PDB file of all heavy atoms in Angstrom:
ATOM      1  N   GLY A   1       3.558 -18.537  14.711  1.00  0.00           N
ATOM      2  CA  GLY A   1       2.544 -17.961  13.832  1.00  0.00           C
ATOM      3  C   GLY A   1       2.530 -18.488  12.467  1.00  0.00           C
ATOM      4  O   GLY A   1       1.862 -17.935  11.548  1.00  0.00           O
ATOM      5  N   LEU A   2       3.300 -19.588  12.196  1.00  0.00           N
ATOM      6  CA  LEU A   2       3.318 -20.144  10.850  1.00  0.00           C
ATOM      7  C   LEU A   2       2.099 -21.038  10.661  1.00  0.00           C
ATOM      8  O   LEU A   2       1.611 -21.643  11.599  1.00  0.00           O
ATOM      9  CB  LEU A   2       4.586 -20.928  10.677  1.00  0.00           C
ATOM     10  CG  LEU A   2       5.883 -20.188  10.977  1.00  0.00           C
ATOM     11  CD1 LEU A   2       7.097 -21.062  10.744  1.00  0.00           C
ATOM     12  CD2 LEU A   2       5.987 -18.939  10.177  1.00  0.00           C
ATOM     13  N   LYS A   3       1.575 -21.096   9.427  1.00  0.00           N
ATOM     14  CA  LYS A   3       0.334 -21.744   9.134  1.00  0.00           C
ATOM     15  C   LYS A   3       0.469 -23.047   8.329  1.00  0.00           C
ATOM     16  O   LYS A   3       1.421 -23.127   7.546  1.00  0.00           O
ATOM     17  CB  LYS A   3      -0.606 -20.783   8.409  1.00  0.00           C
ATOM     18  CG  LYS A   3      -0.757 -19.377   9.052  1.00  0.00           C
ATOM     19  CD  LYS A   3      -1.352 -19.422  10.439  1.00  0.00           C
ATOM     20  CE  LYS A   3      -1.770 -18.057  10.934  1.00  0.00           C
ATOM     21  NZ  LYS A   3      -0.665 -17.107  11.166  1.00  0.00           N
ATOM     22  N   GLN A   4      -0.472 -23.946   8.490  1.00  0.00           N
ATOM     23  CA  GLN A   4      -0.529 -25.117   7.645  1.00  0.00           C
ATOM     24  C   GLN A   4      -1.154 -24.768   6.303  1.00  0.00           C
ATOM     25  O   GLN A   4      -1.899 -23.823   6.168  1.00  0.00           O
ATOM     26  CB  GLN A   4      -1.414 -26.223   8.280  1.00  0.00           C
ATOM     27  CG  GLN A   4      -0.762 -26.883   9.442  1.00  0.00           C
ATOM     28  CD  GLN A   4      -1.623 -27.981  10.047  1.00  0.00           C
ATOM     29  OE1 GLN A   4      -1.883 -28.028  11.242  1.00  0.00           O
ATOM     30  NE2 GLN A   4      -2.200 -28.870   9.207  1.00  0.00           N
ATOM     31  N   TYR A   5      -0.903 -25.669   5.323  1.00  0.00           N
ATOM     32  CA  TYR A   5      -1.592 -25.598   4.015  1.00  0.00           C
ATOM     33  C   TYR A   5      -2.553 -26.794   3.958  1.00  0.00           C
ATOM     34  O   TYR A   5      -3.777 -26.624   3.868  1.00  0.00           O
ATOM     35  CB  TYR A   5      -0.551 -25.659   2.874  1.00  0.00           C
ATOM     36  CG  TYR A   5      -1.168 -25.356   1.535  1.00  0.00           C
ATOM     37  CD1 TYR A   5      -1.103 -24.105   0.956  1.00  0.00           C
ATOM     38  CD2 TYR A   5      -1.841 -26.371   0.829  1.00  0.00           C
ATOM     39  CE1 TYR A   5      -1.651 -23.810  -0.296  1.00  0.00           C
ATOM     40  CE2 TYR A   5      -2.438 -26.118  -0.415  1.00  0.00           C
ATOM     41  CZ  TYR A   5      -2.336 -24.847  -0.978  1.00  0.00           C
ATOM     42  OH  TYR A   5      -2.924 -24.590  -2.218  1.00  0.00           O
ATOM     43  N   PHE A   6      -2.013 -28.006   3.952  1.00  0.00           N
ATOM     44  CA  PHE A   6      -2.821 -29.194   3.942  1.00  0.00           C
ATOM     45  C   PHE A   6      -2.979 -29.698   5.375  1.00  0.00           C
ATOM     46  O   PHE A   6      -2.214 -29.398   6.249  1.00  0.00           O
ATOM     47  CB  PHE A   6      -2.217 -30.310   3.083  1.00  0.00           C
ATOM     48  CG  PHE A   6      -2.278 -30.023   1.621  1.00  0.00           C
ATOM     49  CD1 PHE A   6      -1.085 -29.900   0.862  1.00  0.00           C
ATOM     50  CD2 PHE A   6      -3.476 -29.923   0.959  1.00  0.00           C
ATOM     51  CE1 PHE A   6      -1.115 -29.601  -0.490  1.00  0.00           C
ATOM     52  CE2 PHE A   6      -3.520 -29.665  -0.451  1.00  0.00           C
ATOM     53  CZ  PHE A   6      -2.356 -29.487  -1.166  1.00  0.00           C
ATOM     54  N   PHE A   7      -3.989 -30.550   5.537  1.00  0.00           N
ATOM     55  CA  PHE A   7      -4.194 -31.201   6.856  1.00  0.00           C
ATOM     56  C   PHE A   7      -4.223 -32.720   6.590  1.00  0.00           C
ATOM     57  O   PHE A   7      -5.261 -33.329   6.241  1.00  0.00           O
ATOM     58  CB  PHE A   7      -5.558 -30.752   7.380  1.00  0.00           C
ATOM     59  CG  PHE A   7      -5.681 -30.860   8.904  1.00  0.00           C
ATOM     60  CD1 PHE A   7      -6.134 -29.766   9.634  1.00  0.00           C
ATOM     61  CD2 PHE A   7      -5.337 -32.020   9.558  1.00  0.00           C
ATOM     62  CE1 PHE A   7      -6.214 -29.853  10.982  1.00  0.00           C
ATOM     63  CE2 PHE A   7      -5.396 -32.126  10.932  1.00  0.00           C
ATOM     64  CZ  PHE A   7      -5.851 -31.006  11.669  1.00  0.00           C
ATOM     65  N   PRO A   8      -3.067 -33.391   6.743  1.00  0.00           N
ATOM     66  CA  PRO A   8      -2.972 -34.806   6.481  1.00  0.00           C
ATOM     67  C   PRO A   8      -3.966 -35.677   7.293  1.00  0.00           C
ATOM     68  O   PRO A   8      -4.015 -35.498   8.547  1.00  0.00           O
ATOM     69  CB  PRO A   8      -1.548 -35.169   6.836  1.00  0.00           C
ATOM     70  CG  PRO A   8      -0.801 -33.855   6.733  1.00  0.00           C
ATOM     71  CD  PRO A   8      -1.753 -32.834   7.166  1.00  0.00           C
ATOM     72  N   LEU A   9      -4.748 -36.486   6.689  1.00  0.00           N
ATOM     73  CA  LEU A   9      -5.644 -37.411   7.382  1.00  0.00           C
ATOM     74  C   LEU A   9      -5.269 -38.850   7.194  1.00  0.00           C
ATOM     75  O   LEU A   9      -5.922 -39.742   7.755  1.00  0.00           O
ATOM     76  CB  LEU A   9      -7.079 -37.137   6.936  1.00  0.00           C
ATOM     77  CG  LEU A   9      -7.619 -35.750   7.279  1.00  0.00           C
ATOM     78  CD1 LEU A   9      -9.043 -35.584   6.756  1.00  0.00           C
ATOM     79  CD2 LEU A   9      -7.570 -35.492   8.762  1.00  0.00           C
ATOM     80  N   ALA A  10      -4.295 -39.143   6.336  1.00  0.00           N
ATOM     81  CA  ALA A  10      -3.725 -40.516   6.283  1.00  0.00           C
ATOM     82  C   ALA A  10      -2.853 -40.685   7.534  1.00  0.00           C
ATOM     83  O   ALA A  10      -2.356 -39.737   8.132  1.00  0.00           O
ATOM     84  CB  ALA A  10      -2.869 -40.682   5.040  1.00  0.00           C
ATOM     85  N   ALA A  11      -2.713 -41.944   7.951  1.00  0.00           N
ATOM     86  CA  ALA A  11      -2.071 -42.227   9.227  1.00  0.00           C
ATOM     87  C   ALA A  11      -0.548 -42.076   9.104  1.00  0.00           C
ATOM     88  O   ALA A  11       0.067 -42.322   8.048  1.00  0.00           O
ATOM     89  CB  ALA A  11      -2.376 -43.667   9.656  1.00  0.00           C
ATOM     90  N   GLY A  12       0.083 -41.559  10.210  1.00  0.00           N
ATOM     91  CA  GLY A  12       1.481 -41.549  10.318  1.00  0.00           C
ATOM     92  C   GLY A  12       2.184 -40.270   9.853  1.00  0.00           C
ATOM     93  O   GLY A  12       3.415 -40.202   9.857  1.00  0.00           O
ATOM     94  N   TYR A  13       1.411 -39.288   9.387  1.00  0.00           N
ATOM     95  CA  TYR A  13       1.971 -37.991   9.042  1.00  0.00           C
ATOM     96  C   TYR A  13       1.871 -37.015  10.193  1.00  0.00           C
ATOM     97  O   TYR A  13       1.479 -37.358  11.309  1.00  0.00           O
ATOM     98  CB  TYR A  13       1.273 -37.444   7.768  1.00  0.00           C
ATOM     99  CG  TYR A  13       1.588 -38.281   6.524  1.00  0.00           C
ATOM    100  CD1 TYR A  13       0.582 -38.805   5.734  1.00  0.00           C
ATOM    101  CD2 TYR A  13       2.905 -38.576   6.133  1.00  0.00           C
ATOM    102  CE1 TYR A  13       0.808 -39.577   4.616  1.00  0.00           C
ATOM    103  CE2 TYR A  13       3.211 -39.305   5.055  1.00  0.00           C
ATOM    104  CZ  TYR A  13       2.118 -39.824   4.295  1.00  0.00           C
ATOM    105  OH  TYR A  13       2.411 -40.562   3.162  1.00  0.00           O
ATOM    106  N   TRP A  14       2.230 -35.790   9.956  1.00  0.00           N
ATOM    107  CA  TRP A  14       2.339 -34.782  11.001  1.00  0.00           C
ATOM    108  C   TRP A  14       1.995 -33.457  10.382  1.00  0.00           C
ATOM    109  O   TRP A  14       1.825 -33.219   9.209  1.00  0.00           O
ATOM    110  CB  TRP A  14       3.766 -34.730  11.540  1.00  0.00           C
ATOM    111  CG  TRP A  14       4.818 -34.599  10.466  1.00  0.00           C
ATOM    112  CD1 TRP A  14       5.320 -33.428   9.932  1.00  0.00           C
ATOM    113  CD2 TRP A  14       5.431 -35.638   9.731  1.00  0.00           C
ATOM    114  NE1 TRP A  14       6.206 -33.677   8.942  1.00  0.00           N
ATOM    115  CE2 TRP A  14       6.327 -35.057   8.806  1.00  0.00           C
ATOM    116  CE3 TRP A  14       5.380 -37.027   9.775  1.00  0.00           C
ATOM    117  CZ2 TRP A  14       7.113 -35.804   7.888  1.00  0.00           C
ATOM    118  CZ3 TRP A  14       6.110 -37.785   8.905  1.00  0.00           C
ATOM    119  CH2 TRP A  14       6.993 -37.174   8.001  1.00  0.00           C
ATOM    120  N   ARG A  15       1.831 -32.469  11.264  1.00  0.00           N
ATOM    121  CA  ARG A  15       1.599 -31.079  10.786  1.00  0.00           C
ATOM    122  C   ARG A  15       2.886 -30.487  10.239  1.00  0.00           C
ATOM    123  O   ARG A  15       3.961 -30.579  10.860  1.00  0.00           O
ATOM    124  CB  ARG A  15       1.167 -30.183  11.949  1.00  0.00           C
ATOM    125  CG  ARG A  15      -0.172 -30.577  12.602  1.00  0.00           C
ATOM    126  CD  ARG A  15      -0.529 -29.544  13.663  1.00  0.00           C
ATOM    127  NE  ARG A  15      -1.647 -29.946  14.496  1.00  0.00           N
ATOM    128  CZ  ARG A  15      -2.944 -29.653  14.230  1.00  0.00           C
ATOM    129  NH1 ARG A  15      -3.212 -29.006  13.111  1.00  0.00           N
ATOM    130  NH2 ARG A  15      -3.921 -30.044  14.999  1.00  0.00           N
ATOM    131  N   SER A  16       2.784 -29.829   9.081  1.00  0.00           N
ATOM    132  CA  SER A  16       3.880 -29.041   8.531  1.00  0.00           C
ATOM    133  C   SER A  16       3.402 -27.637   8.258  1.00  0.00           C
ATOM    134  O   SER A  16       2.208 -27.425   8.030  1.00  0.00           O
ATOM    135  CB  SER A  16       4.490 -29.751   7.312  1.00  0.00           C
ATOM    136  OG  SER A  16       3.486 -29.903   6.333  1.00  0.00           O
ATOM    137  N   TYR A  17       4.300 -26.675   8.225  1.00  0.00           N
ATOM    138  CA  TYR A  17       3.980 -25.285   8.165  1.00  0.00           C
ATOM    139  C   TYR A  17       4.790 -24.549   7.106  1.00  0.00           C
ATOM    140  O   TYR A  17       5.864 -24.974   6.765  1.00  0.00           O
ATOM    141  CB  TYR A  17       4.186 -24.567   9.529  1.00  0.00           C
ATOM    142  CG  TYR A  17       3.531 -25.269  10.685  1.00  0.00           C
ATOM    143  CD1 TYR A  17       4.224 -26.257  11.420  1.00  0.00           C
ATOM    144  CD2 TYR A  17       2.227 -24.995  11.056  1.00  0.00           C
ATOM    145  CE1 TYR A  17       3.633 -26.888  12.504  1.00  0.00           C
ATOM    146  CE2 TYR A  17       1.606 -25.586  12.135  1.00  0.00           C
ATOM    147  CZ  TYR A  17       2.334 -26.524  12.853  1.00  0.00           C
ATOM    148  OH  TYR A  17       1.763 -27.200  13.897  1.00  0.00           O
ATOM    149  N   GLY A  18       4.250 -23.428   6.625  1.00  0.00           N
ATOM    150  CA  GLY A  18       5.011 -22.579   5.748  1.00  0.00           C
ATOM    151  C   GLY A  18       6.040 -21.798   6.543  1.00  0.00           C
ATOM    152  O   GLY A  18       5.929 -21.618   7.755  1.00  0.00           O
ATOM    153  N   SER A  19       7.067 -21.252   5.879  1.00  0.00           N
ATOM    154  CA  SER A  19       8.082 -20.526   6.514  1.00  0.00           C
ATOM    155  C   SER A  19       7.601 -19.081   6.774  1.00  0.00           C
ATOM    156  O   SER A  19       6.576 -18.653   6.306  1.00  0.00           O
ATOM    157  CB  SER A  19       9.333 -20.466   5.684  1.00  0.00           C
ATOM    158  OG  SER A  19       9.047 -19.845   4.418  1.00  0.00           O
ATOM    159  N   ALA A  20       8.379 -18.354   7.620  1.00  0.00           N
ATOM    160  CA  ALA A  20       7.972 -17.019   7.998  1.00  0.00           C
ATOM    161  C   ALA A  20       8.053 -16.006   6.851  1.00  0.00           C
ATOM    162  O   ALA A  20       7.203 -15.104   6.747  1.00  0.00           O
ATOM    163  CB  ALA A  20       8.862 -16.523   9.154  1.00  0.00           C
ATOM    164  N   GLU A  21       9.026 -16.157   5.930  1.00  0.00           N
ATOM    165  CA  GLU A  21       9.226 -15.163   4.891  1.00  0.00           C
ATOM    166  C   GLU A  21       9.415 -15.740   3.496  1.00  0.00           C
ATOM    167  O   GLU A  21       9.666 -15.008   2.544  1.00  0.00           O
ATOM    168  CB  GLU A  21      10.457 -14.284   5.258  1.00  0.00           C
ATOM    169  CG  GLU A  21      10.293 -13.527   6.552  1.00  0.00           C
ATOM    170  CD  GLU A  21      11.434 -12.525   6.773  1.00  0.00           C
ATOM    171  OE1 GLU A  21      12.374 -12.500   5.946  1.00  0.00           O
ATOM    172  OE2 GLU A  21      11.399 -11.782   7.752  1.00  0.00           O
ATOM    173  N   ASP A  22       9.232 -17.028   3.330  1.00  0.00           N
ATOM    174  CA  ASP A  22       9.476 -17.621   2.036  1.00  0.00           C
ATOM    175  C   ASP A  22       8.390 -18.649   1.693  1.00  0.00           C
ATOM    176  O   ASP A  22       8.730 -19.689   1.041  1.00  0.00           O
ATOM    177  CB  ASP A  22      10.881 -18.287   2.017  1.00  0.00           C
ATOM    178  CG  ASP A  22      11.350 -18.602   0.596  1.00  0.00           C
ATOM    179  OD1 ASP A  22      10.882 -17.900  -0.342  1.00  0.00           O
ATOM    180  OD2 ASP A  22      12.109 -19.559   0.416  1.00  0.00           O
ATOM    181  N   SER A  23       7.171 -18.349   2.024  1.00  0.00           N
ATOM    182  CA  SER A  23       6.007 -19.216   1.633  1.00  0.00           C
ATOM    183  C   SER A  23       4.896 -18.363   1.203  1.00  0.00           C
ATOM    184  O   SER A  23       4.593 -18.270  -0.008  1.00  0.00           O
ATOM    185  CB  SER A  23       5.647 -20.105   2.828  1.00  0.00           C
ATOM    186  OG  SER A  23       6.657 -21.023   3.131  1.00  0.00           O
ATOM    187  N   PHE A  24       4.191 -17.735   2.083  1.00  0.00           N
ATOM    188  CA  PHE A  24       3.090 -16.810   1.812  1.00  0.00           C
ATOM    189  C   PHE A  24       2.014 -17.487   0.874  1.00  0.00           C
ATOM    190  O   PHE A  24       1.621 -16.912  -0.166  1.00  0.00           O
ATOM    191  CB  PHE A  24       3.559 -15.470   1.222  1.00  0.00           C
ATOM    192  CG  PHE A  24       4.343 -14.666   2.226  1.00  0.00           C
ATOM    193  CD1 PHE A  24       5.737 -14.565   2.092  1.00  0.00           C
ATOM    194  CD2 PHE A  24       3.755 -14.053   3.292  1.00  0.00           C
ATOM    195  CE1 PHE A  24       6.490 -13.847   3.023  1.00  0.00           C
ATOM    196  CE2 PHE A  24       4.474 -13.324   4.203  1.00  0.00           C
ATOM    197  CZ  PHE A  24       5.880 -13.231   4.064  1.00  0.00           C
ATOM    198  N   TRP A  25       1.585 -18.682   1.265  1.00  0.00           N
ATOM    199  CA  TRP A  25       0.595 -19.368   0.538  1.00  0.00           C
ATOM    200  C   TRP A  25      -0.775 -18.662   0.711  1.00  0.00           C
ATOM    201  O   TRP A  25      -0.952 -17.798   1.570  1.00  0.00           O
ATOM    202  CB  TRP A  25       0.430 -20.771   1.130  1.00  0.00           C
ATOM    203  CG  TRP A  25       1.644 -21.605   1.188  1.00  0.00           C
ATOM    204  CD1 TRP A  25       2.668 -21.687   0.256  1.00  0.00           C
ATOM    205  CD2 TRP A  25       1.983 -22.516   2.220  1.00  0.00           C
ATOM    206  NE1 TRP A  25       3.602 -22.636   0.639  1.00  0.00           N
ATOM    207  CE2 TRP A  25       3.205 -23.138   1.882  1.00  0.00           C
ATOM    208  CE3 TRP A  25       1.405 -22.892   3.412  1.00  0.00           C
ATOM    209  CZ2 TRP A  25       3.827 -24.126   2.660  1.00  0.00           C
ATOM    210  CZ3 TRP A  25       2.011 -23.840   4.214  1.00  0.00           C
ATOM    211  CH2 TRP A  25       3.211 -24.442   3.870  1.00  0.00           C
ATOM    212  N   CYS A  26      -1.733 -19.143  -0.051  1.00  0.00           N
ATOM    213  CA  CYS A  26      -3.128 -18.732   0.185  1.00  0.00           C
ATOM    214  C   CYS A  26      -3.538 -19.022   1.579  1.00  0.00           C
ATOM    215  O   CYS A  26      -4.257 -18.263   2.267  1.00  0.00           O
ATOM    216  CB  CYS A  26      -4.065 -19.358  -0.834  1.00  0.00           C
ATOM    217  SG  CYS A  26      -3.925 -21.130  -0.941  1.00  0.00           S
ATOM    218  N   CYS A  27      -3.119 -20.193   2.129  1.00  0.00           N
ATOM    219  CA  CYS A  27      -3.496 -20.632   3.435  1.00  0.00           C
ATOM    220  C   CYS A  27      -2.750 -19.859   4.515  1.00  0.00           C
ATOM    221  O   CYS A  27      -3.229 -19.790   5.638  1.00  0.00           O
ATOM    222  CB  CYS A  27      -3.294 -22.140   3.626  1.00  0.00           C
ATOM    223  SG  CYS A  27      -4.265 -23.125   2.507  1.00  0.00           S
ATOM    224  N   THR A  28      -1.599 -19.275   4.205  1.00  0.00           N
ATOM    225  CA  THR A  28      -1.008 -18.340   5.136  1.00  0.00           C
ATOM    226  C   THR A  28      -1.924 -17.174   5.326  1.00  0.00           C
ATOM    227  O   THR A  28      -2.112 -16.660   6.440  1.00  0.00           O
ATOM    228  CB  THR A  28       0.353 -17.870   4.569  1.00  0.00           C
ATOM    229  OG1 THR A  28       1.175 -18.939   4.163  1.00  0.00           O
ATOM    230  CG2 THR A  28       1.119 -16.980   5.596  1.00  0.00           C
ATOM    231  N   GLY A  29      -2.484 -16.678   4.218  1.00  0.00           N
ATOM    232  CA  GLY A  29      -3.334 -15.530   4.259  1.00  0.00           C
ATOM    233  C   GLY A  29      -4.687 -15.764   4.954  1.00  0.00           C
ATOM    234  O   GLY A  29      -5.076 -14.981   5.815  1.00  0.00           O
ATOM    235  N   THR A  30      -5.373 -16.853   4.567  1.00  0.00           N
ATOM    236  CA  THR A  30      -6.676 -17.098   5.210  1.00  0.00           C
ATOM    237  C   THR A  30      -6.463 -17.455   6.636  1.00  0.00           C
ATOM    238  O   THR A  30      -7.326 -17.113   7.517  1.00  0.00           O
ATOM    239  CB  THR A  30      -7.438 -18.202   4.474  1.00  0.00           C
ATOM    240  OG1 THR A  30      -6.608 -19.349   4.354  1.00  0.00           O
ATOM    241  CG2 THR A  30      -7.858 -17.683   3.090  1.00  0.00           C
ATOM    242  N   GLY A  31      -5.344 -18.140   6.974  1.00  0.00           N
ATOM    243  CA  GLY A  31      -5.081 -18.395   8.372  1.00  0.00           C
ATOM    244  C   GLY A  31      -4.857 -17.145   9.164  1.00  0.00           C
ATOM    245  O   GLY A  31      -5.347 -16.991  10.296  1.00  0.00           O
ATOM    246  N   ALA A  32      -4.085 -16.189   8.570  1.00  0.00           N
ATOM    247  CA  ALA A  32      -3.857 -14.938   9.313  1.00  0.00           C
ATOM    248  C   ALA A  32      -5.180 -14.192   9.505  1.00  0.00           C
ATOM    249  O   ALA A  32      -5.376 -13.554  10.557  1.00  0.00           O
ATOM    250  CB  ALA A  32      -2.939 -14.055   8.489  1.00  0.00           C
ATOM    251  N   GLU A  33      -6.129 -14.286   8.596  1.00  0.00           N
ATOM    252  CA  GLU A  33      -7.405 -13.668   8.750  1.00  0.00           C
ATOM    253  C   GLU A  33      -8.241 -14.393   9.825  1.00  0.00           C
ATOM    254  O   GLU A  33      -8.791 -13.747  10.744  1.00  0.00           O
ATOM    255  CB  GLU A  33      -8.183 -13.702   7.445  1.00  0.00           C
ATOM    256  CG  GLU A  33      -7.646 -12.766   6.355  1.00  0.00           C
ATOM    257  CD  GLU A  33      -8.511 -12.689   5.111  1.00  0.00           C
ATOM    258  OE1 GLU A  33      -9.749 -12.756   5.306  1.00  0.00           O
ATOM    259  OE2 GLU A  33      -7.963 -12.665   4.014  1.00  0.00           O
ATOM    260  N   ASP A  34      -8.335 -15.709   9.744  1.00  0.00           N
ATOM    261  CA  ASP A  34      -9.142 -16.461  10.719  1.00  0.00           C
ATOM    262  C   ASP A  34      -8.659 -16.226  12.123  1.00  0.00           C
ATOM    263  O   ASP A  34      -9.451 -16.046  13.060  1.00  0.00           O
ATOM    264  CB  ASP A  34      -9.063 -17.967  10.402  1.00  0.00           C
ATOM    265  CG  ASP A  34     -10.273 -18.429   9.572  1.00  0.00           C
ATOM    266  OD1 ASP A  34     -11.289 -17.703   9.487  1.00  0.00           O
ATOM    267  OD2 ASP A  34     -10.141 -19.543   8.992  1.00  0.00           O
ATOM    268  N   PHE A  35      -7.337 -16.249  12.316  1.00  0.00           N
ATOM    269  CA  PHE A  35      -6.804 -16.148  13.670  1.00  0.00           C
ATOM    270  C   PHE A  35      -6.897 -14.659  14.165  1.00  0.00           C
ATOM    271  O   PHE A  35      -6.640 -14.452  15.350  1.00  0.00           O
ATOM    272  CB  PHE A  35      -5.366 -16.629  13.697  1.00  0.00           C
ATOM    273  CG  PHE A  35      -5.240 -18.146  13.758  1.00  0.00           C
ATOM    274  CD1 PHE A  35      -5.531 -18.934  12.666  1.00  0.00           C
ATOM    275  CD2 PHE A  35      -4.904 -18.752  14.926  1.00  0.00           C
ATOM    276  CE1 PHE A  35      -5.464 -20.294  12.686  1.00  0.00           C
ATOM    277  CE2 PHE A  35      -4.774 -20.180  14.988  1.00  0.00           C
ATOM    278  CZ  PHE A  35      -5.085 -20.917  13.869  1.00  0.00           C
ATOM    279  N   ALA A  36      -7.266 -13.766  13.348  1.00  0.00           N
ATOM    280  CA  ALA A  36      -7.472 -12.381  13.705  1.00  0.00           C
ATOM    281  C   ALA A  36      -8.984 -12.049  13.981  1.00  0.00           C
ATOM    282  O   ALA A  36      -9.272 -10.987  14.464  1.00  0.00           O
ATOM    283  CB  ALA A  36      -6.982 -11.430  12.646  1.00  0.00           C
ATOM    284  N   LYS A  37      -9.860 -13.024  13.668  1.00  0.00           N
ATOM    285  CA  LYS A  37     -11.306 -12.717  13.817  1.00  0.00           C
ATOM    286  C   LYS A  37     -12.061 -13.861  14.481  1.00  0.00           C
ATOM    287  O   LYS A  37     -13.165 -14.170  14.149  1.00  0.00           O
ATOM    288  CB  LYS A  37     -11.936 -12.380  12.461  1.00  0.00           C
ATOM    289  CG  LYS A  37     -11.863 -13.457  11.396  1.00  0.00           C
ATOM    290  CD  LYS A  37     -12.489 -12.905  10.093  1.00  0.00           C
ATOM    291  CE  LYS A  37     -12.452 -13.921   8.987  1.00  0.00           C
ATOM    292  NZ  LYS A  37     -13.523 -14.903   9.113  1.00  0.00           N
ATOM    293  N   PHE A  38     -11.417 -14.456  15.493  1.00  0.00           N
ATOM    294  CA  PHE A  38     -12.137 -15.512  16.246  1.00  0.00           C
ATOM    295  C   PHE A  38     -13.394 -14.967  16.899  1.00  0.00           C
ATOM    296  O   PHE A  38     -14.313 -15.741  17.204  1.00  0.00           O
ATOM    297  CB  PHE A  38     -11.217 -16.076  17.319  1.00  0.00           C
ATOM    298  CG  PHE A  38     -10.163 -17.043  16.773  1.00  0.00           C
ATOM    299  CD1 PHE A  38      -8.885 -17.019  17.286  1.00  0.00           C
ATOM    300  CD2 PHE A  38     -10.485 -17.999  15.838  1.00  0.00           C
ATOM    301  CE1 PHE A  38      -7.931 -17.901  16.800  1.00  0.00           C
ATOM    302  CE2 PHE A  38      -9.549 -18.905  15.368  1.00  0.00           C
ATOM    303  CZ  PHE A  38      -8.247 -18.855  15.832  1.00  0.00           C
ATOM    304  N   GLY A  39     -13.457 -13.672  17.151  1.00  0.00           N
ATOM    305  CA  GLY A  39     -14.614 -13.131  17.838  1.00  0.00           C
ATOM    306  C   GLY A  39     -15.842 -12.893  16.975  1.00  0.00           C
ATOM    307  O   GLY A  39     -16.883 -12.462  17.519  1.00  0.00           O
ATOM    308  N   ASP A  40     -15.780 -13.201  15.693  1.00  0.00           N
ATOM    309  CA  ASP A  40     -16.854 -12.772  14.820  1.00  0.00           C
ATOM    310  C   ASP A  40     -18.086 -13.634  14.805  1.00  0.00           C
ATOM    311  O   ASP A  40     -19.129 -13.264  14.300  1.00  0.00           O
ATOM    312  CB  ASP A  40     -16.322 -12.542  13.384  1.00  0.00           C
ATOM    313  CG  ASP A  40     -16.138 -13.833  12.608  1.00  0.00           C
ATOM    314  OD1 ASP A  40     -16.117 -14.908  13.205  1.00  0.00           O
ATOM    315  OD2 ASP A  40     -15.983 -13.728  11.374  1.00  0.00           O
ATOM    316  N   SER A  41     -17.971 -14.844  15.390  1.00  0.00           N
ATOM    317  CA  SER A  41     -19.165 -15.729  15.350  1.00  0.00           C
ATOM    318  C   SER A  41     -19.493 -16.337  16.720  1.00  0.00           C
ATOM    319  O   SER A  41     -20.235 -17.326  16.793  1.00  0.00           O
ATOM    320  CB  SER A  41     -18.942 -16.854  14.351  1.00  0.00           C
ATOM    321  OG  SER A  41     -18.850 -16.371  13.052  1.00  0.00           O
ATOM    322  N   ILE A  42     -18.993 -15.656  17.767  1.00  0.00           N
ATOM    323  CA  ILE A  42     -19.341 -16.138  19.099  1.00  0.00           C
ATOM    324  C   ILE A  42     -20.741 -15.762  19.472  1.00  0.00           C
ATOM    325  O   ILE A  42     -21.593 -16.491  19.991  1.00  0.00           O
ATOM    326  CB  ILE A  42     -18.357 -15.590  20.159  1.00  0.00           C
ATOM    327  CG1 ILE A  42     -16.906 -16.030  19.830  1.00  0.00           C
ATOM    328  CG2 ILE A  42     -18.698 -16.096  21.578  1.00  0.00           C
ATOM    329  CD1 ILE A  42     -15.865 -15.373  20.736  1.00  0.00           C
ATOM    330  N   TYR A  43     -21.113 -14.498  19.122  1.00  0.00           N
ATOM    331  CA  TYR A  43     -22.414 -13.938  19.479  1.00  0.00           C
ATOM    332  C   TYR A  43     -23.086 -13.322  18.233  1.00  0.00           C
ATOM    333  O   TYR A  43     -22.411 -12.787  17.369  1.00  0.00           O
ATOM    334  CB  TYR A  43     -22.244 -12.794  20.494  1.00  0.00           C
ATOM    335  CG  TYR A  43     -21.406 -13.138  21.710  1.00  0.00           C
ATOM    336  CD1 TYR A  43     -20.079 -12.807  21.840  1.00  0.00           C
ATOM    337  CD2 TYR A  43     -21.984 -13.825  22.753  1.00  0.00           C
ATOM    338  CE1 TYR A  43     -19.318 -13.132  22.927  1.00  0.00           C
ATOM    339  CE2 TYR A  43     -21.264 -14.194  23.892  1.00  0.00           C
ATOM    340  CZ  TYR A  43     -19.934 -13.860  23.957  1.00  0.00           C
ATOM    341  OH  TYR A  43     -19.189 -14.167  25.079  1.00  0.00           O
ATOM    342  N   PHE A  44     -24.411 -13.450  18.185  1.00  0.00           N
ATOM    343  CA  PHE A  44     -25.248 -12.777  17.183  1.00  0.00           C
ATOM    344  C   PHE A  44     -26.375 -12.127  17.929  1.00  0.00           C
ATOM    345  O   PHE A  44     -26.563 -12.356  19.154  1.00  0.00           O
ATOM    346  CB  PHE A  44     -25.749 -13.795  16.151  1.00  0.00           C
ATOM    347  CG  PHE A  44     -24.695 -14.329  15.221  1.00  0.00           C
ATOM    348  CD1 PHE A  44     -23.853 -15.353  15.667  1.00  0.00           C
ATOM    349  CD2 PHE A  44     -24.532 -13.825  13.978  1.00  0.00           C
ATOM    350  CE1 PHE A  44     -22.897 -15.862  14.815  1.00  0.00           C
ATOM    351  CE2 PHE A  44     -23.540 -14.350  13.108  1.00  0.00           C
ATOM    352  CZ  PHE A  44     -22.727 -15.349  13.521  1.00  0.00           C
TER     353      PHE A  44
END
């Protein structure tokens, strides 16, 4: 359940994540929201 902050697009890098209890970035928060509301734009 750990989230990314940046998304590297230069070649040869990898995904990195914040820690469970010692990061709490803005992207930790928006990620927690997005992954809790995947159902909000499937249907209108």
